[in-house]
Every structure is written in structure tokens, then in C-alpha cells.
Amino acid sequence: MTLWLLMTLLVWCEEPERAQDRQQLEREASQAMQAGDFASAVGLLERLVSQIPNDTNLRNNLGYCYKKLDRIDDAHRAFEAVLARQPGNAFASLQLGNLAWERGDLDSARRLYQRALTSDPGNDSVKQNLAALLGEIALRDRLDLHRGRVQATFWLAIVACVLVAAAALAWGMRLHWKVDHATPRG
């Protein structure tokens, strides 16, 4: 019993110190991010996430820093971890949408932006990104339609050339046959 009481007292005394350490790490990470020192921020945020794994704000910040450092796979995993813990997190959906758009997956980007907008209908960043993306999707679709028409025209032209060549060949052979098999007059 005495041992249990001593252990509880030690944990209780240690907890405020840990909280102060976490707060200090959070301040340092925030300062590093504001200063654009994303590599330092990543180190601090990774330590914090290991201590507080369910904190979605820390994971969002970590994903953002990874993205800034072009650690795209790590950023993707960080934002996915946020959505696993908090499916309605608009920031994580927005960032995953940005990542999808950057890799050319416009349909996934649209779904993720719409998910973010559902979670946070007043988010202007999501609205702007979604509007720009929809414009790009419309342009892609118009280009695909045009490309399809150009390809169809190309193949029609090829077929027409082949038919003309075949007709010319047949006509030339016919003329040749007539010349060879013509009966002399005279």
C-alpha cells in the first residue's frame, strides 16, 4: 500500500512537469513553423505526437511541415491519421485534396474538397480551391472531347487515304491491263 501511494505521488508530481515540457515543445514548434524552419518543427512535432498520439492539431501541423519539406508520403500519412481520428477534420481533407491535385488525381481532390466543405461550409480556402479545381476539370473534359474529335478526324483521314490509294492502285492496274491486253488495230 505504501509503495502504491509513493508511486501515485511520484506520477502526480511528475505530470505537471511533463505538461510544462509539452507546452514548451508546442511553443517551440509553433515558433519554428512561423520562422519557416520546418525541419526543426518536424522534430519537435514528432516528439509531441509520440507523447500525445490522438492530438489531431499536432498531426495536422506535422503533416503541413512534411508537405513544406516535400516529404509527401509522410504528409499524406499524417493527414490520413487525422481523418482516422477525426473524419470531419476540414484542414486534413483540404490538405489531402491539395496533395491529390498536385499528383494529378483531380477526381480524388474534388471529393476531398467537397468533404472539407461539408465539414466547414464557411471555409474560404476550400471554396477557392474547389472552384479552381472544377475549372480545371471542365478544361480537362473539354480537352479530352477535343482530343477525341482530333483522333477521330485523324483516323478518318487515314482511312480516306488508304481508300484513295487502293482506288488509284486499282485504276492503275486496270489501265495497265487494258494496255497489255489491247488488240492491235490495224
N, C-alpha and C. Protein backbone atom coordinates (compact mmCIF):
# COMPACT_ATOMS: atom_id res chain seq x y z
N MET A 1 0.82 -1.19 0.00
CA MET A 1 0.00 0.00 0.00
C MET A 1 0.87 1.25 0.00
N THR A 2 1.91 1.22 0.79
CA THR A 2 2.81 2.37 0.87
C THR A 2 3.51 2.58 -0.46
N LEU A 3 3.90 1.49 -1.08
CA LEU A 3 4.56 1.58 -2.38
C LEU A 3 3.61 2.18 -3.42
N TRP A 4 2.36 1.74 -3.41
CA TRP A 4 1.37 2.28 -4.36
C TRP A 4 1.19 3.77 -4.13
N LEU A 5 1.10 4.21 -2.87
CA LEU A 5 0.93 5.62 -2.55
C LEU A 5 2.15 6.42 -3.01
N LEU A 6 3.33 5.87 -2.84
CA LEU A 6 4.55 6.54 -3.25
C LEU A 6 4.60 6.67 -4.77
N MET A 7 4.24 5.62 -5.47
CA MET A 7 4.22 5.65 -6.94
C MET A 7 3.20 6.67 -7.44
N THR A 8 2.02 6.70 -6.86
CA THR A 8 0.99 7.66 -7.25
C THR A 8 1.47 9.08 -7.02
N LEU A 9 2.12 9.31 -5.92
CA LEU A 9 2.64 10.63 -5.59
C LEU A 9 3.71 11.04 -6.59
N LEU A 10 4.58 10.12 -6.98
CA LEU A 10 5.62 10.42 -7.96
C LEU A 10 5.02 10.76 -9.32
N VAL A 11 4.03 9.98 -9.76
CA VAL A 11 3.37 10.24 -11.03
C VAL A 11 2.66 11.57 -10.99
N TRP A 12 1.98 11.87 -9.88
CA TRP A 12 1.24 13.11 -9.75
C TRP A 12 2.18 14.31 -9.77
N CYS A 13 3.32 14.18 -9.13
CA CYS A 13 4.30 15.27 -9.10
C CYS A 13 4.97 15.43 -10.47
N GLU A 14 5.13 14.35 -11.18
CA GLU A 14 5.82 14.37 -12.46
C GLU A 14 4.90 14.93 -13.56
N GLU A 15 3.60 14.73 -13.47
CA GLU A 15 2.66 15.12 -14.52
C GLU A 15 2.71 16.62 -14.83
N PRO A 16 2.69 17.53 -13.86
CA PRO A 16 2.78 18.94 -14.21
C PRO A 16 4.08 19.28 -14.94
N GLU A 17 5.17 18.59 -14.59
CA GLU A 17 6.43 18.82 -15.27
C GLU A 17 6.33 18.38 -16.74
N ARG A 18 5.71 17.24 -16.98
CA ARG A 18 5.51 16.76 -18.36
C ARG A 18 4.64 17.73 -19.13
N ALA A 19 3.59 18.22 -18.50
CA ALA A 19 2.70 19.18 -19.16
C ALA A 19 3.46 20.44 -19.54
N GLN A 20 4.31 20.90 -18.64
CA GLN A 20 5.11 22.09 -18.94
C GLN A 20 6.08 21.81 -20.08
N ASP A 21 6.66 20.63 -20.10
CA ASP A 21 7.55 20.25 -21.19
C ASP A 21 6.81 20.22 -22.52
N ARG A 22 5.61 19.65 -22.51
CA ARG A 22 4.80 19.59 -23.74
C ARG A 22 4.45 21.00 -24.21
N GLN A 23 4.05 21.85 -23.29
CA GLN A 23 3.71 23.22 -23.66
C GLN A 23 4.92 23.94 -24.24
N GLN A 24 6.08 23.71 -23.66
CA GLN A 24 7.30 24.32 -24.17
C GLN A 24 7.61 23.80 -25.58
N LEU A 25 7.48 22.49 -25.78
CA LEU A 25 7.70 21.91 -27.11
C LEU A 25 6.72 22.48 -28.12
N GLU A 26 5.45 22.64 -27.72
CA GLU A 26 4.44 23.20 -28.62
C GLU A 26 4.80 24.63 -29.00
N ARG A 27 5.24 25.43 -28.03
CA ARG A 27 5.66 26.81 -28.32
C ARG A 27 6.84 26.83 -29.28
N GLU A 28 7.82 25.98 -29.02
CA GLU A 28 8.99 25.92 -29.89
C GLU A 28 8.63 25.48 -31.30
N ALA A 29 7.74 24.50 -31.40
CA ALA A 29 7.30 24.02 -32.72
C ALA A 29 6.57 25.13 -33.46
N SER A 30 5.70 25.84 -32.77
CA SER A 30 4.96 26.94 -33.38
C SER A 30 5.91 28.04 -33.85
N GLN A 31 6.89 28.38 -33.04
CA GLN A 31 7.87 29.40 -33.42
C GLN A 31 8.68 28.95 -34.63
N ALA A 32 9.07 27.69 -34.64
CA ALA A 32 9.84 27.17 -35.78
C ALA A 32 9.01 27.23 -37.06
N MET A 33 7.73 26.88 -36.96
CA MET A 33 6.86 26.94 -38.14
C MET A 33 6.72 28.39 -38.63
N GLN A 34 6.51 29.30 -37.71
CA GLN A 34 6.36 30.71 -38.08
C GLN A 34 7.63 31.26 -38.71
N ALA A 35 8.77 30.77 -38.27
CA ALA A 35 10.05 31.21 -38.82
C ALA A 35 10.40 30.49 -40.12
N GLY A 36 9.58 29.51 -40.52
CA GLY A 36 9.85 28.76 -41.74
C GLY A 36 10.88 27.66 -41.56
N ASP A 37 11.21 27.34 -40.31
CA ASP A 37 12.17 26.27 -40.02
C ASP A 37 11.39 24.97 -39.82
N PHE A 38 10.92 24.43 -40.94
CA PHE A 38 10.03 23.27 -40.89
C PHE A 38 10.76 22.00 -40.44
N ALA A 39 12.05 21.91 -40.71
CA ALA A 39 12.80 20.73 -40.28
C ALA A 39 12.84 20.66 -38.75
N SER A 40 13.10 21.79 -38.10
CA SER A 40 13.10 21.81 -36.63
C SER A 40 11.70 21.54 -36.09
N ALA A 41 10.71 22.13 -36.75
CA ALA A 41 9.33 21.94 -36.32
C ALA A 41 8.95 20.46 -36.39
N VAL A 42 9.38 19.78 -37.45
CA VAL A 42 9.07 18.35 -37.60
C VAL A 42 9.64 17.56 -36.42
N GLY A 43 10.89 17.82 -36.06
CA GLY A 43 11.50 17.11 -34.93
C GLY A 43 10.72 17.31 -33.64
N LEU A 44 10.31 18.55 -33.39
CA LEU A 44 9.54 18.84 -32.17
C LEU A 44 8.15 18.22 -32.22
N LEU A 45 7.50 18.34 -33.38
CA LEU A 45 6.15 17.79 -33.51
C LEU A 45 6.15 16.27 -33.44
N GLU A 46 7.16 15.63 -34.00
CA GLU A 46 7.23 14.16 -33.90
C GLU A 46 7.35 13.73 -32.44
N ARG A 47 8.13 14.47 -31.66
CA ARG A 47 8.23 14.15 -30.22
C ARG A 47 6.88 14.35 -29.54
N LEU A 48 6.20 15.43 -29.87
CA LEU A 48 4.90 15.69 -29.26
C LEU A 48 3.87 14.64 -29.64
N VAL A 49 3.85 14.26 -30.91
CA VAL A 49 2.88 13.26 -31.38
C VAL A 49 3.15 11.92 -30.70
N SER A 50 4.40 11.61 -30.45
CA SER A 50 4.69 10.35 -29.75
C SER A 50 4.17 10.40 -28.31
N GLN A 51 4.12 11.58 -27.72
CA GLN A 51 3.60 11.73 -26.36
C GLN A 51 2.08 11.84 -26.33
N ILE A 52 1.52 12.48 -27.35
CA ILE A 52 0.07 12.72 -27.40
C ILE A 52 -0.43 12.25 -28.78
N PRO A 53 -0.55 10.96 -28.99
CA PRO A 53 -0.85 10.45 -30.33
C PRO A 53 -2.24 10.82 -30.88
N ASN A 54 -3.19 11.16 -30.03
CA ASN A 54 -4.54 11.45 -30.52
C ASN A 54 -4.79 12.93 -30.76
N ASP A 55 -3.78 13.77 -30.62
CA ASP A 55 -3.94 15.21 -30.83
C ASP A 55 -3.92 15.50 -32.33
N THR A 56 -5.08 15.78 -32.90
CA THR A 56 -5.18 15.99 -34.34
C THR A 56 -4.55 17.31 -34.78
N ASN A 57 -4.53 18.30 -33.92
CA ASN A 57 -3.88 19.57 -34.28
C ASN A 57 -2.38 19.37 -34.48
N LEU A 58 -1.78 18.61 -33.58
CA LEU A 58 -0.35 18.33 -33.72
C LEU A 58 -0.09 17.57 -35.03
N ARG A 59 -0.93 16.58 -35.32
CA ARG A 59 -0.74 15.80 -36.55
C ARG A 59 -0.97 16.65 -37.80
N ASN A 60 -1.94 17.57 -37.74
CA ASN A 60 -2.15 18.47 -38.88
C ASN A 60 -0.91 19.34 -39.09
N ASN A 61 -0.37 19.88 -38.01
CA ASN A 61 0.83 20.71 -38.12
C ASN A 61 2.01 19.89 -38.64
N LEU A 62 2.12 18.65 -38.17
CA LEU A 62 3.19 17.77 -38.63
C LEU A 62 3.04 17.49 -40.13
N GLY A 63 1.83 17.18 -40.57
CA GLY A 63 1.58 16.96 -41.99
C GLY A 63 1.91 18.19 -42.83
N TYR A 64 1.54 19.36 -42.33
CA TYR A 64 1.83 20.60 -43.03
C TYR A 64 3.35 20.80 -43.18
N CYS A 65 4.08 20.55 -42.10
CA CYS A 65 5.54 20.69 -42.15
C CYS A 65 6.16 19.68 -43.11
N TYR A 66 5.67 18.44 -43.07
CA TYR A 66 6.16 17.43 -44.01
C TYR A 66 5.95 17.91 -45.45
N LYS A 67 4.78 18.46 -45.71
CA LYS A 67 4.46 18.93 -47.06
C LYS A 67 5.42 20.04 -47.47
N LYS A 68 5.70 20.94 -46.57
CA LYS A 68 6.63 22.04 -46.86
C LYS A 68 8.03 21.53 -47.15
N LEU A 69 8.39 20.39 -46.57
CA LEU A 69 9.71 19.79 -46.78
C LEU A 69 9.70 18.79 -47.95
N ASP A 70 8.58 18.74 -48.69
CA ASP A 70 8.41 17.80 -49.82
C ASP A 70 8.49 16.35 -49.40
N ARG A 71 8.12 16.08 -48.17
CA ARG A 71 8.02 14.69 -47.69
C ARG A 71 6.55 14.29 -47.85
N ILE A 72 6.17 14.13 -49.10
CA ILE A 72 4.76 13.99 -49.47
C ILE A 72 4.14 12.73 -48.88
N ASP A 73 4.84 11.61 -48.90
CA ASP A 73 4.27 10.38 -48.33
C ASP A 73 4.03 10.54 -46.83
N ASP A 74 4.98 11.17 -46.13
CA ASP A 74 4.80 11.40 -44.70
C ASP A 74 3.63 12.35 -44.44
N ALA A 75 3.52 13.39 -45.26
CA ALA A 75 2.41 14.33 -45.12
C ALA A 75 1.07 13.60 -45.31
N HIS A 76 1.02 12.77 -46.35
CA HIS A 76 -0.21 12.02 -46.63
C HIS A 76 -0.59 11.14 -45.44
N ARG A 77 0.39 10.44 -44.88
CA ARG A 77 0.12 9.58 -43.72
C ARG A 77 -0.35 10.39 -42.51
N ALA A 78 0.25 11.55 -42.29
CA ALA A 78 -0.13 12.38 -41.15
C ALA A 78 -1.58 12.85 -41.29
N PHE A 79 -1.96 13.32 -42.48
CA PHE A 79 -3.33 13.80 -42.68
C PHE A 79 -4.34 12.65 -42.65
N GLU A 80 -3.96 11.49 -43.17
CA GLU A 80 -4.83 10.32 -43.09
C GLU A 80 -5.06 9.91 -41.64
N ALA A 81 -3.99 10.01 -40.81
CA ALA A 81 -4.11 9.68 -39.39
C ALA A 81 -5.08 10.65 -38.69
N VAL A 82 -5.07 11.90 -39.11
CA VAL A 82 -6.02 12.88 -38.55
C VAL A 82 -7.44 12.46 -38.90
N LEU A 83 -7.68 12.13 -40.17
CA LEU A 83 -9.04 11.75 -40.59
C LEU A 83 -9.49 10.44 -39.95
N ALA A 84 -8.54 9.57 -39.65
CA ALA A 84 -8.90 8.32 -38.96
C ALA A 84 -9.41 8.62 -37.56
N ARG A 85 -8.86 9.64 -36.94
CA ARG A 85 -9.26 10.01 -35.58
C ARG A 85 -10.41 11.00 -35.57
N GLN A 86 -10.48 11.83 -36.61
CA GLN A 86 -11.50 12.88 -36.68
C GLN A 86 -11.94 13.02 -38.15
N PRO A 87 -12.89 12.19 -38.59
CA PRO A 87 -13.28 12.16 -40.00
C PRO A 87 -13.76 13.50 -40.57
N GLY A 88 -14.25 14.38 -39.74
CA GLY A 88 -14.75 15.66 -40.22
C GLY A 88 -13.72 16.78 -40.17
N ASN A 89 -12.45 16.46 -40.07
CA ASN A 89 -11.42 17.50 -39.97
C ASN A 89 -11.22 18.15 -41.34
N ALA A 90 -11.68 19.38 -41.46
CA ALA A 90 -11.64 20.09 -42.75
C ALA A 90 -10.21 20.37 -43.21
N PHE A 91 -9.33 20.72 -42.27
CA PHE A 91 -7.95 21.04 -42.66
C PHE A 91 -7.26 19.82 -43.28
N ALA A 92 -7.42 18.66 -42.65
CA ALA A 92 -6.79 17.45 -43.18
C ALA A 92 -7.38 17.09 -44.55
N SER A 93 -8.69 17.23 -44.71
CA SER A 93 -9.32 16.95 -46.01
C SER A 93 -8.82 17.92 -47.07
N LEU A 94 -8.71 19.21 -46.70
CA LEU A 94 -8.20 20.22 -47.62
C LEU A 94 -6.77 19.88 -48.05
N GLN A 95 -5.93 19.55 -47.10
CA GLN A 95 -4.53 19.26 -47.41
C GLN A 95 -4.39 17.99 -48.26
N LEU A 96 -5.19 16.97 -47.95
CA LEU A 96 -5.17 15.76 -48.78
C LEU A 96 -5.68 16.07 -50.19
N GLY A 97 -6.67 16.94 -50.28
CA GLY A 97 -7.15 17.39 -51.59
C GLY A 97 -6.05 18.08 -52.38
N ASN A 98 -5.29 18.94 -51.69
CA ASN A 98 -4.17 19.62 -52.35
C ASN A 98 -3.13 18.61 -52.84
N LEU A 99 -2.83 17.62 -52.01
CA LEU A 99 -1.86 16.59 -52.41
C LEU A 99 -2.36 15.80 -53.62
N ALA A 100 -3.66 15.47 -53.60
CA ALA A 100 -4.23 14.73 -54.74
C ALA A 100 -4.16 15.56 -56.01
N TRP A 101 -4.48 16.84 -55.91
CA TRP A 101 -4.44 17.73 -57.07
C TRP A 101 -3.02 17.82 -57.61
N GLU A 102 -2.06 17.96 -56.72
CA GLU A 102 -0.66 18.08 -57.15
C GLU A 102 -0.17 16.83 -57.87
N ARG A 103 -0.70 15.67 -57.53
CA ARG A 103 -0.28 14.46 -58.24
C ARG A 103 -1.16 14.17 -59.46
N GLY A 104 -2.12 15.07 -59.73
CA GLY A 104 -2.95 14.94 -60.92
C GLY A 104 -4.22 14.14 -60.76
N ASP A 105 -4.55 13.75 -59.54
CA ASP A 105 -5.77 12.99 -59.28
C ASP A 105 -6.90 13.97 -58.98
N LEU A 106 -7.45 14.54 -60.04
CA LEU A 106 -8.45 15.61 -59.90
C LEU A 106 -9.74 15.12 -59.28
N ASP A 107 -10.15 13.90 -59.58
CA ASP A 107 -11.40 13.39 -59.03
C ASP A 107 -11.30 13.18 -57.51
N SER A 108 -10.17 12.65 -57.04
CA SER A 108 -9.98 12.50 -55.60
C SER A 108 -9.90 13.86 -54.92
N ALA A 109 -9.22 14.79 -55.56
CA ALA A 109 -9.12 16.15 -55.00
C ALA A 109 -10.51 16.76 -54.84
N ARG A 110 -11.36 16.59 -55.86
CA ARG A 110 -12.73 17.13 -55.79
C ARG A 110 -13.49 16.51 -54.63
N ARG A 111 -13.40 15.20 -54.47
CA ARG A 111 -14.10 14.53 -53.37
C ARG A 111 -13.60 15.02 -52.00
N LEU A 112 -12.29 15.19 -51.88
CA LEU A 112 -11.73 15.64 -50.61
C LEU A 112 -12.11 17.09 -50.32
N TYR A 113 -12.11 17.94 -51.33
CA TYR A 113 -12.54 19.33 -51.12
C TYR A 113 -14.01 19.39 -50.73
N GLN A 114 -14.84 18.57 -51.38
CA GLN A 114 -16.25 18.55 -51.03
C GLN A 114 -16.45 18.04 -49.60
N ARG A 115 -15.64 17.08 -49.19
CA ARG A 115 -15.69 16.58 -47.82
C ARG A 115 -15.31 17.70 -46.83
N ALA A 116 -14.27 18.44 -47.17
CA ALA A 116 -13.85 19.55 -46.31
C ALA A 116 -14.93 20.62 -46.24
N LEU A 117 -15.57 20.90 -47.36
CA LEU A 117 -16.61 21.92 -47.41
C LEU A 117 -17.84 21.48 -46.62
N THR A 118 -18.13 20.19 -46.63
CA THR A 118 -19.24 19.66 -45.83
C THR A 118 -18.95 19.85 -44.35
N SER A 119 -17.69 19.63 -43.96
CA SER A 119 -17.30 19.77 -42.56
C SER A 119 -17.24 21.23 -42.12
N ASP A 120 -16.83 22.11 -43.05
CA ASP A 120 -16.66 23.53 -42.72
C ASP A 120 -17.17 24.37 -43.89
N PRO A 121 -18.49 24.57 -43.99
CA PRO A 121 -19.07 25.26 -45.14
C PRO A 121 -18.60 26.70 -45.33
N GLY A 122 -18.09 27.33 -44.31
CA GLY A 122 -17.64 28.71 -44.43
C GLY A 122 -16.16 28.86 -44.76
N ASN A 123 -15.46 27.76 -45.02
CA ASN A 123 -14.02 27.81 -45.25
C ASN A 123 -13.73 28.35 -46.65
N ASP A 124 -13.24 29.58 -46.70
CA ASP A 124 -12.98 30.23 -48.00
C ASP A 124 -11.87 29.54 -48.78
N SER A 125 -10.86 29.02 -48.10
CA SER A 125 -9.77 28.32 -48.80
C SER A 125 -10.30 27.11 -49.55
N VAL A 126 -11.18 26.37 -48.90
CA VAL A 126 -11.76 25.19 -49.54
C VAL A 126 -12.61 25.62 -50.74
N LYS A 127 -13.41 26.67 -50.55
CA LYS A 127 -14.26 27.15 -51.65
C LYS A 127 -13.42 27.58 -52.85
N GLN A 128 -12.35 28.33 -52.59
CA GLN A 128 -11.49 28.80 -53.68
C GLN A 128 -10.81 27.63 -54.38
N ASN A 129 -10.28 26.69 -53.61
CA ASN A 129 -9.61 25.53 -54.22
C ASN A 129 -10.59 24.70 -55.03
N LEU A 130 -11.79 24.50 -54.48
CA LEU A 130 -12.78 23.70 -55.20
C LEU A 130 -13.19 24.39 -56.49
N ALA A 131 -13.40 25.71 -56.45
CA ALA A 131 -13.78 26.44 -57.67
C ALA A 131 -12.68 26.35 -58.72
N ALA A 132 -11.43 26.53 -58.31
CA ALA A 132 -10.31 26.44 -59.26
C ALA A 132 -10.20 25.02 -59.82
N LEU A 133 -10.37 24.04 -58.96
CA LEU A 133 -10.28 22.65 -59.40
C LEU A 133 -11.40 22.32 -60.39
N LEU A 134 -12.62 22.76 -60.09
CA LEU A 134 -13.73 22.49 -61.01
C LEU A 134 -13.48 23.12 -62.37
N GLY A 135 -12.86 24.30 -62.37
CA GLY A 135 -12.48 24.93 -63.64
C GLY A 135 -11.47 24.08 -64.40
N GLU A 136 -10.50 23.54 -63.68
CA GLU A 136 -9.50 22.68 -64.33
C GLU A 136 -10.12 21.38 -64.83
N ILE A 137 -11.06 20.82 -64.06
CA ILE A 137 -11.74 19.60 -64.50
C ILE A 137 -12.54 19.87 -65.77
N ALA A 138 -13.23 21.03 -65.81
CA ALA A 138 -14.00 21.38 -67.01
C ALA A 138 -13.07 21.53 -68.22
N LEU A 139 -11.93 22.18 -68.00
CA LEU A 139 -10.96 22.34 -69.09
C LEU A 139 -10.44 20.98 -69.55
N ARG A 140 -10.13 20.10 -68.59
CA ARG A 140 -9.65 18.76 -68.94
C ARG A 140 -10.69 18.02 -69.77
N ASP A 141 -11.95 18.13 -69.35
CA ASP A 141 -13.01 17.43 -70.07
C ASP A 141 -13.18 17.98 -71.49
N ARG A 142 -13.06 19.31 -71.63
CA ARG A 142 -13.15 19.91 -72.98
C ARG A 142 -11.98 19.46 -73.84
N LEU A 143 -10.79 19.41 -73.24
CA LEU A 143 -9.62 18.97 -73.99
C LEU A 143 -9.75 17.50 -74.38
N ASP A 144 -10.28 16.68 -73.48
CA ASP A 144 -10.48 15.27 -73.79
C ASP A 144 -11.47 15.12 -74.95
N LEU A 145 -12.53 15.92 -74.93
CA LEU A 145 -13.51 15.88 -76.02
C LEU A 145 -12.85 16.30 -77.32
N HIS A 146 -12.08 17.41 -77.27
CA HIS A 146 -11.39 17.88 -78.47
C HIS A 146 -10.39 16.84 -78.96
N ARG A 147 -9.63 16.26 -78.02
CA ARG A 147 -8.64 15.24 -78.38
C ARG A 147 -9.34 14.06 -79.06
N GLY A 148 -10.51 13.68 -78.54
CA GLY A 148 -11.27 12.59 -79.15
C GLY A 148 -11.71 12.92 -80.57
N ARG A 149 -12.12 14.17 -80.77
CA ARG A 149 -12.52 14.59 -82.12
C ARG A 149 -11.32 14.61 -83.06
N VAL A 150 -10.20 15.09 -82.58
CA VAL A 150 -8.98 15.14 -83.40
C VAL A 150 -8.56 13.72 -83.76
N GLN A 151 -8.60 12.80 -82.80
CA GLN A 151 -8.23 11.42 -83.09
C GLN A 151 -9.18 10.79 -84.11
N ALA A 152 -10.48 11.06 -83.96
CA ALA A 152 -11.45 10.51 -84.92
C ALA A 152 -11.19 11.08 -86.31
N THR A 153 -10.91 12.37 -86.40
CA THR A 153 -10.62 13.01 -87.69
C THR A 153 -9.35 12.41 -88.30
N PHE A 154 -8.35 12.21 -87.46
CA PHE A 154 -7.09 11.62 -87.93
C PHE A 154 -7.34 10.25 -88.54
N TRP A 155 -8.08 9.40 -87.84
CA TRP A 155 -8.32 8.05 -88.34
C TRP A 155 -9.20 8.06 -89.59
N LEU A 156 -10.14 8.98 -89.64
CA LEU A 156 -10.94 9.10 -90.87
C LEU A 156 -10.06 9.51 -92.04
N ALA A 157 -9.13 10.42 -91.80
CA ALA A 157 -8.21 10.84 -92.86
C ALA A 157 -7.34 9.68 -93.31
N ILE A 158 -6.87 8.87 -92.38
CA ILE A 158 -6.05 7.70 -92.72
C ILE A 158 -6.86 6.73 -93.58
N VAL A 159 -8.09 6.46 -93.15
CA VAL A 159 -8.95 5.54 -93.91
C VAL A 159 -9.20 6.10 -95.31
N ALA A 160 -9.46 7.40 -95.38
CA ALA A 160 -9.69 8.02 -96.70
C ALA A 160 -8.46 7.90 -97.58
N CYS A 161 -7.28 8.12 -97.02
CA CYS A 161 -6.04 7.98 -97.79
C CYS A 161 -5.84 6.55 -98.29
N VAL A 162 -6.13 5.61 -97.43
CA VAL A 162 -5.99 4.20 -97.82
C VAL A 162 -6.98 3.87 -98.94
N LEU A 163 -8.20 4.35 -98.82
CA LEU A 163 -9.19 4.08 -99.88
C LEU A 163 -8.79 4.74 -101.20
N VAL A 164 -8.30 5.97 -101.12
CA VAL A 164 -7.86 6.66 -102.34
C VAL A 164 -6.69 5.91 -102.96
N ALA A 165 -5.73 5.48 -102.11
CA ALA A 165 -4.58 4.74 -102.62
C ALA A 165 -5.02 3.43 -103.25
N ALA A 166 -5.96 2.76 -102.61
CA ALA A 166 -6.46 1.49 -103.16
C ALA A 166 -7.18 1.73 -104.48
N ALA A 167 -7.96 2.78 -104.53
CA ALA A 167 -8.68 3.08 -105.79
C ALA A 167 -7.69 3.44 -106.89
N ALA A 168 -6.67 4.25 -106.55
CA ALA A 168 -5.67 4.63 -107.55
C ALA A 168 -4.92 3.40 -108.03
N LEU A 169 -4.59 2.52 -107.10
CA LEU A 169 -3.88 1.30 -107.47
C LEU A 169 -4.76 0.44 -108.38
N ALA A 170 -6.01 0.32 -108.02
CA ALA A 170 -6.92 -0.49 -108.84
C ALA A 170 -7.10 0.14 -110.22
N TRP A 171 -7.22 1.45 -110.27
CA TRP A 171 -7.39 2.13 -111.54
C TRP A 171 -6.13 1.98 -112.38
N GLY A 172 -4.95 2.10 -111.73
CA GLY A 172 -3.68 1.94 -112.45
C GLY A 172 -3.53 0.52 -112.98
N MET A 173 -3.94 -0.45 -112.19
CA MET A 173 -3.85 -1.83 -112.64
C MET A 173 -4.80 -2.06 -113.81
N ARG A 174 -5.95 -1.43 -113.76
CA ARG A 174 -6.92 -1.59 -114.83
C ARG A 174 -6.37 -1.00 -116.13
N LEU A 175 -5.76 0.18 -116.00
CA LEU A 175 -5.17 0.80 -117.19
C LEU A 175 -4.04 -0.07 -117.74
N HIS A 176 -3.24 -0.58 -116.86
CA HIS A 176 -2.14 -1.44 -117.26
C HIS A 176 -2.66 -2.69 -117.95
N TRP A 177 -3.72 -3.27 -117.44
CA TRP A 177 -4.29 -4.46 -118.03
C TRP A 177 -4.85 -4.14 -119.41
N LYS A 178 -5.48 -2.99 -119.53
CA LYS A 178 -6.05 -2.61 -120.82
C LYS A 178 -4.94 -2.42 -121.86
N VAL A 179 -3.84 -1.83 -121.42
CA VAL A 179 -2.74 -1.59 -122.36
C VAL A 179 -2.13 -2.92 -122.77
N ASP A 180 -1.93 -3.82 -121.82
CA ASP A 180 -1.31 -5.10 -122.12
C ASP A 180 -2.19 -5.99 -122.96
N HIS A 181 -3.48 -5.89 -122.76
CA HIS A 181 -4.39 -6.82 -123.46
C HIS A 181 -5.14 -6.14 -124.60
N ALA A 182 -4.69 -5.04 -124.98
CA ALA A 182 -5.37 -4.35 -126.08
C ALA A 182 -5.04 -5.07 -127.38
N THR A 183 -6.01 -5.16 -128.21
CA THR A 183 -5.80 -5.80 -129.51
C THR A 183 -5.30 -4.73 -130.49
N PRO A 184 -4.27 -5.07 -131.20
CA PRO A 184 -3.77 -4.07 -132.14
C PRO A 184 -4.77 -3.84 -133.27
N ARG A 185 -4.88 -2.64 -133.64
CA ARG A 185 -5.78 -2.31 -134.75
C ARG A 185 -4.92 -2.15 -136.00
N GLY A 186 -5.37 -2.51 -136.84
CA GLY A 186 -4.63 -2.18 -137.97
C GLY A 186 -4.50 -3.04 -139.07
